[in-house]
Amino acid sequence: MRMRNQWLALPLGVGLAAALLSGCGTDQDESAGSGDAVVMGMSDDIQATDPASGYDPGSWLLFNNVFQSLLSFPNGATEPQPEAAKECHFSDNATKVYSCTLRSGLKFSNGHELTSKDVKYSFDRMMKIGDEAGPAIMFPMLDKVETPDGSTVVFRLKYADATFPSKIASGAGSIVDHAEYPADRLRTDGKAVGSGPYKLDSFGKKEAVFSVNSSYEGTAKVKNDGVTMKFFHGDQAGLKKSLLDGGVDLAYRGLAAKDVADIEESATKATQDIDVVEGTSAEVQHLVFNVKDPVVGKLSVRKAMAYLIDRDALIDEVYDNTATSLYSIIPAGITGHNTAFFDLYGSRPSKSKAQAALRADGITDKVKLTLWSTPSRYGPATDAELKAMAKQLNASGLFDADVKSVEFSQYERDIKSGKYGVYVKGWVPDYPDPDNFTQPFFGDGNVLGNHYTNSTITGTIIPETGAQSDRSTTTKQYDQLQNIVAEQLPILPVWQAKQYAVVRDGVYGLENCLDASTVFRFWEISKG
């Protein structure tokens, strides 16, 4: 998530910082459980079945399994690999022309042949519709798509973007059948026709049913006979009960951190046939500062907050240690990660340093401010987290902080109007590249709504790193960017999520669904 506000790209901390939930049994062979259907529970909703609109975790889960993209992220990969394409490459040194050749034999689940015409149609359609809740915002660099023949697609970019392959490997690159989807409007019948490993058989308020697509030609090797997703619409207690009662085989997105901890403790005591498995994640949460606000617009106030907020205590108190403290804009496991905020502000609260920062700016009274939250997008634990944060600030005697919480639609409107000084934002990446943790936040038209700009970042670092196809060579520049942000404090990183699997015995392979790409791979799950 994801929407644009890409922050919706995948909501966090539902109490989970926790909630990509997966399986166990890594010792099973590839054919274990093959032929059996899997039932999974999820508290998130699927907002759209049309790839030109959906930009949320539930929708992208559907897209990644029903549709193909030219490229994809295999388990554990941070570099995209061919999927519907048999080969892709930049055909110029300026990374402005990107060409792909389709693999042979591609068909949609309705039997229609998939050609370069469908690829061009999919991108042209997405850009033309430009849905506010869709992924078109990811492609400002896209000039036009050409099809020299039925198996070749050429993307011409307005400016260099070495991350373009990663972007088209995401759910945003889903290929639709030109005969099934109108060119200038969204499909609204709740159906989906793609060429991915699965077909969407039915979609309703209570569940979505997926069967294996026998026409699929690609890299995925399907290990089950279909998947049924049961929707709990935010009902964490209901999801937990269904898992414990055997109503679902696994829980995905939505268990509270406390529930995960309780289940893990029970499983350790061998009182029930349920396992908890931890996976990697690049999901992060930040405090965002409106730099034009009369209070936190002062750097001294932001510095004082950075010196006082105890991340470890928050994670222990609110999230039952289902996350880790984050001291950088780029999370651990992603190229370019550093610890700039740790280096400048430390890991333990320091009242003396906070007070010195305020006094140096002539501030002697308590700083009065409000921390704004929204549980409807980032989960009920978000309110508790910010209240704990306010308590930390107030305990110093330097702040008079309170917390207010509103529904997400109001929250977004108020951020846009500049009403809030301090507010929370969560982020799950569209693709595992440092660009996705920096350009949306600090580039032109950033999604934070906090009025922060830096000419070195926007004019030099982002354009230069965007043009470097060898991503390992960008580390020094991303290090510079993170140091600038740590010094100027437009945002304060708080935590990086862990991913957890909660799964009943006999379900295997979900450890292959939990990595920094955020792709949940139905085909890796087996039951038997």
Protein backbone atom coordinates (compact mmCIF):
# COMPACT_ATOMS: atom_id res chain seq x y z
CA MET A 1 0.00 0.00 0.00
CA ARG A 2 -1.08 1.36 -0.71
CA MET A 3 -4.43 4.98 -2.49
CA ARG A 4 -1.80 7.39 -3.19
CA ASN A 5 -0.87 8.21 -0.69
CA GLN A 6 1.13 5.20 -1.27
CA TRP A 7 1.02 5.05 2.46
CA LEU A 8 -1.99 2.98 1.85
CA ALA A 9 -0.03 0.65 -0.13
CA LEU A 10 -0.22 -1.80 2.65
CA PRO A 11 -1.51 -0.62 5.98
CA LEU A 12 0.46 -1.31 9.01
CA GLY A 13 0.44 -2.12 12.53
CA VAL A 14 -3.04 -3.42 12.77
CA GLY A 15 -1.80 -4.51 16.00
CA LEU A 16 0.46 -6.57 14.20
CA ALA A 17 2.94 -4.62 13.10
CA ALA A 18 2.29 -8.08 12.59
CA ALA A 19 0.28 -9.33 10.02
CA LEU A 20 1.57 -11.07 7.12
CA LEU A 21 0.76 -14.44 8.44
CA SER A 22 2.37 -17.50 7.05
CA GLY A 23 3.13 -21.12 7.40
CA CYS A 24 5.62 -23.58 8.63
CA GLY A 25 6.99 -26.94 7.63
CA THR A 26 10.00 -25.88 5.58
CA ASP A 27 11.23 -29.45 5.41
CA GLN A 28 8.32 -30.63 3.29
CA ASP A 29 9.07 -31.57 -0.28
CA GLU A 30 7.67 -29.53 -3.14
CA SER A 31 4.73 -31.83 -3.73
CA ALA A 32 3.55 -31.94 -0.09
CA GLY A 33 -0.17 -31.28 0.10
CA SER A 34 -0.50 -30.80 -3.63
CA GLY A 35 -4.11 -31.12 -4.76
CA ASP A 36 -5.71 -29.79 -1.56
CA ALA A 37 -7.42 -26.41 -1.34
CA VAL A 38 -6.35 -23.90 1.31
CA VAL A 39 -8.61 -21.62 3.37
CA MET A 40 -7.07 -18.38 4.62
CA GLY A 41 -8.50 -15.61 6.76
CA MET A 42 -7.72 -11.90 6.32
CA SER A 43 -9.02 -8.87 8.18
CA ASP A 44 -8.16 -6.46 5.34
CA ASP A 45 -10.66 -5.93 2.55
CA ILE A 46 -10.01 -6.19 -1.19
CA GLN A 47 -10.84 -2.70 -2.40
CA ALA A 48 -10.75 -3.46 -6.15
CA THR A 49 -10.55 -6.32 -8.60
CA ASP A 50 -9.52 -4.01 -11.47
CA PRO A 51 -5.74 -3.34 -11.55
CA ALA A 52 -6.31 0.21 -12.83
CA SER A 53 -7.84 1.06 -9.47
CA GLY A 54 -6.60 -1.09 -6.60
CA TYR A 55 -3.62 0.18 -4.64
CA ASP A 56 -4.15 -1.49 -1.28
CA PRO A 57 -2.80 -4.68 0.29
CA GLY A 58 -5.86 -6.81 -0.33
CA SER A 59 -6.19 -5.77 -3.97
CA TRP A 60 -2.51 -6.29 -4.73
CA LEU A 61 -2.73 -9.75 -3.19
CA LEU A 62 -5.42 -10.56 -5.73
CA PHE A 63 -3.49 -8.96 -8.60
CA ASN A 64 -0.26 -10.83 -7.81
CA ASN A 65 -2.04 -14.17 -8.06
CA VAL A 66 -4.64 -13.62 -10.81
CA PHE A 67 -2.67 -11.41 -13.21
CA GLN A 68 0.80 -11.62 -14.68
CA SER A 69 3.30 -8.81 -14.95
CA LEU A 70 6.16 -8.78 -17.42
CA LEU A 71 8.54 -9.28 -14.50
CA SER A 72 8.06 -10.53 -10.95
CA PHE A 73 9.92 -10.95 -7.67
CA PRO A 74 10.67 -14.61 -6.89
CA ASN A 75 10.83 -15.62 -3.26
CA GLY A 76 13.60 -13.69 -1.49
CA ALA A 77 14.58 -11.66 -4.55
CA THR A 78 15.10 -7.89 -4.56
CA GLU A 79 15.78 -7.78 -8.30
CA PRO A 80 12.87 -8.46 -10.68
CA GLN A 81 13.03 -11.53 -12.91
CA PRO A 82 11.16 -12.42 -16.16
CA GLU A 83 7.59 -13.68 -15.74
CA ALA A 84 5.22 -13.01 -18.67
CA ALA A 85 8.33 -11.80 -20.49
CA LYS A 86 11.13 -14.17 -21.37
CA GLU A 87 13.59 -11.25 -21.48
CA CYS A 88 13.67 -7.52 -20.69
CA HIS A 89 16.45 -4.94 -20.87
CA PHE A 90 17.25 -1.27 -21.17
CA SER A 91 18.16 -0.75 -24.81
CA ASP A 92 19.97 2.54 -24.25
CA ASN A 93 22.65 3.73 -21.84
CA ALA A 94 20.41 6.48 -20.45
CA THR A 95 17.88 3.99 -19.01
CA LYS A 96 15.08 5.70 -20.94
CA VAL A 97 14.10 2.90 -23.35
CA TYR A 98 13.05 -0.44 -21.88
CA SER A 99 12.22 -3.42 -24.09
CA CYS A 100 10.60 -6.76 -23.30
CA THR A 101 9.99 -9.89 -25.35
CA LEU A 102 7.02 -12.01 -24.29
CA ARG A 103 7.32 -15.73 -23.66
CA SER A 104 5.40 -17.91 -26.11
CA GLY A 105 2.08 -19.58 -25.41
CA LEU A 106 0.68 -16.95 -23.06
CA LYS A 107 -3.09 -17.11 -22.59
CA PHE A 108 -5.64 -15.48 -20.35
CA SER A 109 -7.84 -17.72 -18.21
CA ASN A 110 -10.69 -17.23 -20.71
CA GLY A 111 -8.56 -18.78 -23.46
CA HIS A 112 -7.70 -15.53 -25.26
CA GLU A 113 -4.11 -15.17 -26.44
CA LEU A 114 -1.97 -12.63 -24.58
CA THR A 115 0.11 -10.46 -26.93
CA SER A 116 2.03 -7.21 -26.81
CA LYS A 117 -1.25 -5.46 -27.66
CA ASP A 118 -2.62 -6.44 -24.26
CA VAL A 119 0.46 -5.15 -22.46
CA LYS A 120 0.27 -1.77 -24.19
CA TYR A 121 -3.49 -1.65 -23.61
CA SER A 122 -3.03 -2.34 -19.90
CA PHE A 123 -0.61 0.53 -19.36
CA ASP A 124 -2.41 2.96 -21.68
CA ARG A 125 -5.68 2.16 -19.95
CA MET A 126 -4.30 2.59 -16.44
CA MET A 127 -2.77 5.96 -17.34
CA LYS A 128 -5.87 7.18 -19.19
CA ILE A 129 -8.22 6.32 -16.35
CA GLY A 130 -5.78 7.76 -13.80
CA ASP A 131 -7.89 6.58 -10.89
CA GLU A 132 -7.09 8.35 -7.60
CA ALA A 133 -7.14 4.99 -5.84
CA GLY A 134 -4.98 3.35 -8.51
CA PRO A 135 -1.28 2.90 -9.32
CA ALA A 136 -1.00 5.31 -12.28
CA ILE A 137 0.79 7.74 -9.98
CA MET A 138 3.77 5.35 -10.00
CA PHE A 139 4.46 6.10 -13.68
CA PRO A 140 5.04 9.83 -14.19
CA MET A 141 8.11 8.87 -16.21
CA LEU A 142 6.16 6.84 -18.79
CA ASP A 143 5.95 8.62 -22.15
CA LYS A 144 4.52 5.94 -24.44
CA VAL A 145 4.35 2.20 -25.04
CA GLU A 146 5.13 0.76 -28.47
CA THR A 147 4.53 -2.71 -29.96
CA PRO A 148 6.82 -3.38 -32.95
CA ASP A 149 5.33 -6.88 -33.20
CA GLY A 150 3.07 -9.26 -31.29
CA SER A 151 5.73 -10.36 -28.85
CA THR A 152 7.72 -7.15 -28.30
CA VAL A 153 6.90 -4.22 -26.00
CA VAL A 154 8.95 -1.03 -25.84
CA PHE A 155 8.52 1.51 -23.05
CA ARG A 156 9.82 5.00 -23.79
CA LEU A 157 10.42 7.09 -20.69
CA LYS A 158 10.39 10.86 -20.30
CA TYR A 159 13.42 10.68 -18.05
CA ALA A 160 15.86 8.07 -16.79
CA ASP A 161 14.46 5.65 -14.23
CA ALA A 162 16.54 2.59 -13.40
CA THR A 163 13.79 1.38 -11.05
CA PHE A 164 11.26 1.07 -13.87
CA PRO A 165 11.70 -2.75 -14.05
CA SER A 166 10.80 -3.01 -10.34
CA LYS A 167 7.72 -0.87 -10.84
CA ILE A 168 6.33 -2.97 -13.66
CA ALA A 169 7.11 -6.12 -11.64
CA SER A 170 4.66 -4.99 -8.96
CA GLY A 171 0.87 -5.24 -8.94
CA ALA A 172 0.87 -2.00 -10.92
CA GLY A 173 2.17 -3.94 -13.93
CA SER A 174 -0.78 -6.34 -14.09
CA ILE A 175 -1.69 -7.28 -17.69
CA VAL A 176 -5.39 -7.35 -18.60
CA ASP A 177 -7.23 -8.76 -21.63
CA HIS A 178 -8.04 -5.86 -23.97
CA ALA A 179 -11.29 -7.62 -24.93
CA GLU A 180 -12.46 -7.82 -21.31
CA TYR A 181 -11.71 -4.37 -19.90
CA PRO A 182 -13.11 -1.02 -21.16
CA ALA A 183 -10.43 1.44 -22.22
CA ASP A 184 -11.75 4.51 -20.44
CA ARG A 185 -13.50 3.30 -17.30
CA LEU A 186 -13.12 0.78 -14.50
CA ARG A 187 -14.65 -2.65 -14.54
CA THR A 188 -17.30 -2.78 -11.79
CA ASP A 189 -18.72 -6.30 -11.92
CA GLY A 190 -16.33 -7.75 -9.33
CA LYS A 191 -14.78 -10.11 -11.85
CA ALA A 192 -11.15 -10.43 -12.90
CA VAL A 193 -9.63 -12.05 -15.99
CA GLY A 194 -5.87 -12.48 -16.02
CA SER A 195 -3.13 -14.88 -17.07
CA GLY A 196 -1.66 -15.58 -13.64
CA PRO A 197 -1.48 -18.88 -11.73
CA TYR A 198 -5.05 -18.53 -10.42
CA LYS A 199 -8.54 -17.67 -11.63
CA LEU A 200 -11.00 -15.66 -9.58
CA ASP A 201 -14.10 -17.87 -9.50
CA SER A 202 -16.22 -15.71 -7.21
CA PHE A 203 -15.90 -12.56 -5.15
CA GLY A 204 -18.30 -11.42 -2.45
CA LYS A 205 -18.51 -9.68 0.89
CA LYS A 206 -17.68 -12.81 2.88
CA GLU A 207 -15.14 -14.56 0.69
CA ALA A 208 -13.25 -14.83 -2.58
CA VAL A 209 -12.64 -18.19 -4.23
CA PHE A 210 -9.62 -18.87 -6.45
CA SER A 211 -8.95 -21.97 -8.56
CA VAL A 212 -5.82 -22.97 -10.45
CA ASN A 213 -5.53 -21.48 -13.94
CA SER A 214 -4.76 -24.39 -16.29
CA SER A 215 -3.81 -21.91 -19.06
CA TYR A 216 -1.00 -20.33 -17.04
CA GLU A 217 2.48 -20.15 -18.58
CA GLY A 218 5.10 -18.71 -16.24
CA THR A 219 7.59 -19.34 -13.48
CA ALA A 220 5.24 -20.23 -10.59
CA LYS A 221 4.82 -23.89 -9.68
CA VAL A 222 1.44 -24.29 -8.00
CA LYS A 223 1.36 -26.56 -4.93
CA ASN A 224 -2.35 -26.56 -4.07
CA ASP A 225 -5.74 -27.00 -5.72
CA GLY A 226 -7.04 -23.52 -5.01
CA VAL A 227 -7.41 -20.92 -2.28
CA THR A 228 -10.46 -19.53 -0.52
CA MET A 229 -10.03 -16.18 1.22
CA LYS A 230 -12.45 -15.45 4.04
CA PHE A 231 -12.86 -11.77 4.92
CA PHE A 232 -13.19 -10.62 8.52
CA HIS A 233 -13.47 -6.89 7.78
CA GLY A 234 -11.28 -5.75 10.66
CA ASP A 235 -12.68 -8.28 13.16
CA GLN A 236 -9.42 -9.40 14.77
CA ALA A 237 -11.16 -11.44 17.48
CA GLY A 238 -13.23 -13.24 14.86
CA LEU A 239 -10.14 -14.05 12.80
CA LYS A 240 -8.35 -15.44 15.84
CA LYS A 241 -11.35 -17.57 16.82
CA SER A 242 -11.72 -18.97 13.32
CA LEU A 243 -8.04 -19.92 13.27
CA LEU A 244 -8.24 -21.63 16.67
CA ASP A 245 -11.48 -23.41 15.77
CA GLY A 246 -10.15 -24.65 12.43
CA GLY A 247 -12.41 -22.47 10.29
CA VAL A 248 -9.34 -21.23 8.42
CA ASP A 249 -6.00 -22.92 7.79
CA LEU A 250 -3.98 -19.76 8.20
CA ALA A 251 -4.43 -16.13 9.16
CA TYR A 252 -3.07 -13.39 6.94
CA ARG A 253 -3.04 -9.68 7.83
CA GLY A 254 -5.03 -8.71 10.84
CA LEU A 255 -4.21 -10.50 14.08
CA ALA A 256 -3.32 -8.19 16.94
CA ALA A 257 0.24 -8.34 18.25
CA LYS A 258 -1.07 -9.66 21.56
CA ASP A 259 -2.91 -12.46 19.76
CA VAL A 260 0.24 -13.45 17.90
CA ALA A 261 2.17 -13.49 21.18
CA ASP A 262 -0.55 -15.50 22.94
CA ILE A 263 -0.73 -18.05 20.14
CA GLU A 264 3.04 -18.36 20.07
CA GLU A 265 3.12 -19.00 23.82
CA SER A 266 0.36 -21.60 23.57
CA ALA A 267 2.07 -23.29 20.64
CA THR A 268 5.29 -23.47 22.67
CA LYS A 269 3.38 -25.32 25.37
CA ALA A 270 2.13 -27.74 22.69
CA THR A 271 -1.49 -27.15 23.72
CA GLN A 272 -2.68 -26.64 20.16
CA ASP A 273 -1.63 -27.55 16.63
CA ILE A 274 -0.79 -24.01 15.54
CA ASP A 275 2.60 -22.52 14.74
CA VAL A 276 3.95 -18.98 14.51
CA VAL A 277 6.72 -18.27 12.01
CA GLU A 278 8.60 -15.00 11.66
CA GLY A 279 9.47 -13.55 8.26
CA THR A 280 11.22 -10.44 6.98
CA SER A 281 9.45 -7.18 6.19
CA ALA A 282 10.22 -3.73 4.85
CA GLU A 283 7.04 -2.22 6.34
CA VAL A 284 7.83 0.93 8.32
CA GLN A 285 6.16 3.62 10.39
CA HIS A 286 7.15 7.28 10.78
CA LEU A 287 6.08 10.37 12.65
CA VAL A 288 5.62 13.15 10.11
CA PHE A 289 6.21 16.83 10.92
CA ASN A 290 4.50 19.67 9.07
CA VAL A 291 7.46 22.01 8.69
CA LYS A 292 5.13 25.00 8.23
CA ASP A 293 3.37 24.37 11.55
CA PRO A 294 3.93 27.15 14.12
CA VAL A 295 5.08 24.63 16.75
CA VAL A 296 6.87 21.69 15.10
CA GLY A 297 7.94 23.95 12.26
CA LYS A 298 10.76 24.83 14.65
CA LEU A 299 13.68 22.44 14.22
CA SER A 300 14.46 22.71 17.93
CA VAL A 301 11.08 21.19 18.82
CA ARG A 302 11.56 18.33 16.39
CA LYS A 303 15.03 17.68 17.78
CA ALA A 304 13.71 17.62 21.33
CA MET A 305 11.14 15.01 20.31
CA ALA A 306 13.82 12.94 18.60
CA TYR A 307 15.88 12.99 21.81
CA LEU A 308 12.92 11.93 23.99
CA ILE A 309 10.99 9.24 22.09
CA ASP A 310 11.93 5.75 23.27
CA ARG A 311 11.25 3.38 20.38
CA ASP A 312 12.17 0.21 22.27
CA ALA A 313 9.71 1.02 25.05
CA LEU A 314 6.92 1.70 22.55
CA ILE A 315 7.52 -1.56 20.75
CA ASP A 316 7.58 -3.50 24.00
CA GLU A 317 4.52 -1.80 25.50
CA VAL A 318 2.26 -1.56 22.46
CA TYR A 319 3.45 -4.12 19.92
CA ASP A 320 4.69 -6.97 22.12
CA ASN A 321 8.05 -6.77 20.35
CA THR A 322 6.53 -7.65 16.96
CA ALA A 323 8.58 -4.85 15.40
CA THR A 324 12.11 -3.45 15.66
CA SER A 325 13.27 0.11 16.30
CA LEU A 326 13.98 2.02 13.11
CA TYR A 327 16.69 4.69 12.88
CA SER A 328 16.75 5.35 9.16
CA ILE A 329 14.51 6.25 6.24
CA ILE A 330 15.57 3.15 4.34
CA PRO A 331 14.82 0.01 6.39
CA ALA A 332 17.22 -2.80 7.16
CA GLY A 333 17.55 -5.29 4.33
CA ILE A 334 17.23 -2.64 1.61
CA THR A 335 20.25 -1.25 -0.28
CA GLY A 336 21.49 2.00 1.26
CA HIS A 337 20.23 1.45 4.81
CA ASN A 338 22.12 3.38 7.48
CA THR A 339 21.48 4.45 11.09
CA ALA A 340 21.59 8.24 10.75
CA PHE A 341 18.95 8.90 13.42
CA PHE A 342 20.68 6.63 15.92
CA ASP A 343 23.98 8.38 15.25
CA LEU A 344 22.49 11.85 15.83
CA TYR A 345 19.94 11.27 18.57
CA GLY A 346 20.86 7.96 20.21
CA SER A 347 18.59 5.11 21.25
CA ARG A 348 17.87 6.14 24.84
CA PRO A 349 15.88 9.23 25.89
CA SER A 350 17.95 12.25 26.92
CA LYS A 351 16.08 15.03 28.70
CA SER A 352 19.24 17.12 28.95
CA LYS A 353 19.82 17.10 25.19
CA ALA A 354 16.16 17.78 24.49
CA GLN A 355 16.13 20.67 26.92
CA ALA A 356 19.34 22.08 25.46
CA ALA A 357 17.84 22.03 21.96
CA LEU A 358 14.76 23.96 23.14
CA ARG A 359 16.69 26.46 25.26
CA ALA A 360 19.06 27.20 22.39
CA ASP A 361 16.00 28.37 20.48
CA GLY A 362 14.73 30.46 23.39
CA ILE A 363 11.93 28.03 24.31
CA THR A 364 11.49 27.84 28.10
CA ASP A 365 7.79 26.98 28.47
CA LYS A 366 6.31 23.54 27.96
CA VAL A 367 5.74 22.82 24.27
CA LYS A 368 2.05 22.22 23.67
CA LEU A 369 1.19 19.97 20.74
CA THR A 370 -1.20 17.29 19.48
CA LEU A 371 -0.21 13.95 17.97
CA TRP A 372 -2.75 12.92 15.34
CA SER A 373 -3.69 9.30 14.70
CA THR A 374 -6.08 7.22 12.60
CA PRO A 375 -6.87 3.65 13.68
CA SER A 376 -9.01 2.92 10.64
CA ARG A 377 -6.00 2.67 8.34
CA TYR A 378 -3.04 1.81 10.53
CA GLY A 379 -4.88 -0.25 13.14
CA PRO A 380 -6.20 0.23 16.68
CA ALA A 381 -2.71 -0.11 18.18
CA THR A 382 -1.77 3.19 16.53
CA ASP A 383 -3.82 5.19 19.02
CA ALA A 384 -2.22 3.34 21.93
CA GLU A 385 1.23 3.91 20.45
CA LEU A 386 0.79 7.66 20.11
CA LYS A 387 -0.66 7.91 23.61
CA ALA A 388 2.42 6.13 24.94
CA MET A 389 4.56 8.51 22.90
CA ALA A 390 2.77 11.56 24.35
CA LYS A 391 3.29 10.12 27.83
CA GLN A 392 7.04 9.86 27.14
CA LEU A 393 7.20 13.48 25.98
CA ASN A 394 5.19 14.75 28.94
CA ALA A 395 7.26 12.76 31.45
CA SER A 396 10.24 14.93 30.52
CA GLY A 397 8.47 18.03 31.80
CA LEU A 398 9.27 19.74 28.50
CA PHE A 399 6.06 18.97 26.62
CA ASP A 400 2.31 19.16 27.08
CA ALA A 401 1.24 16.65 24.42
CA ASP A 402 -2.11 15.02 23.78
CA VAL A 403 -3.47 12.63 21.15
CA LYS A 404 -6.47 12.95 18.85
CA SER A 405 -7.75 10.26 16.52
CA VAL A 406 -10.03 10.56 13.49
CA GLU A 407 -11.29 8.32 10.70
CA PHE A 408 -9.00 7.98 7.72
CA SER A 409 -10.98 10.05 5.21
CA GLN A 410 -11.03 13.00 7.60
CA TYR A 411 -7.38 12.38 8.48
CA GLU A 412 -6.27 12.67 4.86
CA ARG A 413 -8.32 15.82 4.26
CA ASP A 414 -6.86 17.48 7.34
CA ILE A 415 -3.29 16.61 6.37
CA LYS A 416 -3.87 18.07 2.93
CA SER A 417 -5.24 21.30 4.44
CA GLY A 418 -2.25 21.62 6.80
CA LYS A 419 -4.30 21.24 9.99
CA TYR A 420 -1.93 18.81 11.70
CA GLY A 421 1.55 19.52 13.03
CA VAL A 422 2.48 15.93 13.91
CA TYR A 423 0.87 12.81 12.49
CA VAL A 424 1.62 9.16 11.86
CA LYS A 425 2.17 7.47 8.53
CA GLY A 426 2.83 3.85 7.70
CA TRP A 427 4.44 2.53 4.54
CA VAL A 428 4.82 -0.81 2.83
CA PRO A 429 6.91 -0.61 -0.34
CA ASP A 430 5.67 -1.24 -3.85
CA TYR A 431 9.06 -2.75 -4.67
CA PRO A 432 12.20 -3.48 -2.57
CA ASP A 433 14.44 -0.62 -3.70
CA PRO A 434 15.70 2.43 -1.75
CA ASP A 435 14.00 4.66 -4.31
CA ASN A 436 10.60 3.55 -2.98
CA PHE A 437 11.49 4.79 0.52
CA THR A 438 12.85 8.14 -0.61
CA GLN A 439 11.41 9.50 -3.85
CA PRO A 440 7.76 9.36 -2.70
CA PHE A 441 8.65 11.15 0.55
CA PHE A 442 11.15 13.74 -0.61
CA GLY A 443 10.71 14.03 -4.39
CA ASP A 444 8.44 16.39 -6.26
CA GLY A 445 4.83 16.14 -5.10
CA ASN A 446 5.74 13.99 -2.10
CA VAL A 447 3.00 11.96 -0.43
CA LEU A 448 3.68 13.21 3.09
CA GLY A 449 1.88 16.52 2.77
CA ASN A 450 4.36 18.10 5.21
CA HIS A 451 5.70 20.91 2.96
CA TYR A 452 9.30 19.74 3.22
CA THR A 453 11.66 20.19 0.29
CA ASN A 454 15.44 20.00 -0.08
CA SER A 455 17.07 21.05 -3.33
CA THR A 456 20.02 18.66 -2.96
CA ILE A 457 17.67 15.73 -2.58
CA THR A 458 15.21 16.68 -5.32
CA GLY A 459 17.69 18.26 -7.72
CA THR A 460 20.67 15.94 -7.41
CA ILE A 461 20.32 12.77 -5.35
CA ILE A 462 16.96 11.48 -6.59
CA PRO A 463 17.64 12.11 -10.31
CA GLU A 464 21.17 10.67 -10.13
CA THR A 465 20.22 7.53 -8.20
CA GLY A 466 17.20 7.05 -10.46
CA ALA A 467 19.51 6.78 -13.47
CA GLN A 468 21.90 4.19 -11.98
CA SER A 469 21.01 0.70 -13.17
CA ASP A 470 23.53 -0.90 -10.81
CA ARG A 471 21.69 -0.22 -7.56
CA SER A 472 24.69 -1.17 -5.42
CA THR A 473 26.46 1.97 -6.66
CA THR A 474 23.82 4.24 -5.09
CA THR A 475 24.77 3.55 -1.46
CA LYS A 476 26.89 6.67 -0.95
CA GLN A 477 24.18 8.96 -2.32
CA TYR A 478 21.43 7.35 -0.27
CA ASP A 479 23.66 7.66 2.77
CA GLN A 480 23.92 11.39 2.09
CA LEU A 481 20.14 11.66 1.69
CA GLN A 482 19.46 9.92 4.99
CA ASN A 483 21.95 12.12 6.81
CA ILE A 484 20.27 15.26 5.45
CA VAL A 485 16.85 14.03 6.55
CA ALA A 486 18.13 13.11 10.02
CA GLU A 487 19.58 16.59 10.45
CA GLN A 488 16.51 18.45 9.15
CA LEU A 489 13.91 16.10 10.67
CA PRO A 490 10.87 16.38 8.40
CA ILE A 491 10.02 12.88 9.60
CA LEU A 492 11.11 10.63 12.46
CA PRO A 493 11.37 6.87 11.76
CA VAL A 494 9.79 4.82 14.54
CA TRP A 495 9.69 1.13 13.71
CA GLN A 496 10.19 -1.56 11.10
CA ALA A 497 7.71 -4.42 11.18
CA LYS A 498 8.37 -8.09 11.42
CA GLN A 499 6.13 -10.46 9.52
CA TYR A 500 4.46 -13.31 11.33
CA ALA A 501 2.91 -16.54 10.21
CA VAL A 502 0.10 -18.10 12.19
CA VAL A 503 -0.85 -21.41 10.62
CA ARG A 504 -2.42 -24.72 11.54
CA ASP A 505 -0.47 -27.97 11.30
CA GLY A 506 -0.47 -29.55 7.87
CA VAL A 507 -0.13 -26.30 5.95
CA TYR A 508 3.29 -25.65 4.47
CA GLY A 509 5.34 -23.24 2.42
CA LEU A 510 4.23 -19.85 3.69
CA GLU A 511 7.77 -18.96 4.69
CA ASN A 512 8.14 -18.46 0.93
CA CYS A 513 5.46 -15.76 1.03
CA LEU A 514 7.14 -13.46 3.55
CA ASP A 515 9.90 -11.23 2.25
CA ALA A 516 10.66 -7.60 1.47
CA SER A 517 8.91 -7.74 -1.92
CA THR A 518 5.52 -7.87 -0.11
CA VAL A 519 4.29 -10.44 -2.68
CA PHE A 520 2.07 -13.07 -1.07
CA ARG A 521 2.39 -16.14 -3.30
CA PHE A 522 -0.65 -18.42 -3.18
CA TRP A 523 1.17 -21.01 -5.27
CA GLU A 524 3.80 -21.64 -2.58
CA ILE A 525 1.22 -22.92 -0.07
CA SER A 526 0.50 -26.63 0.26
CA LYS A 527 -1.80 -28.57 2.54
CA GLY A 528 -1.74 -32.18 3.49
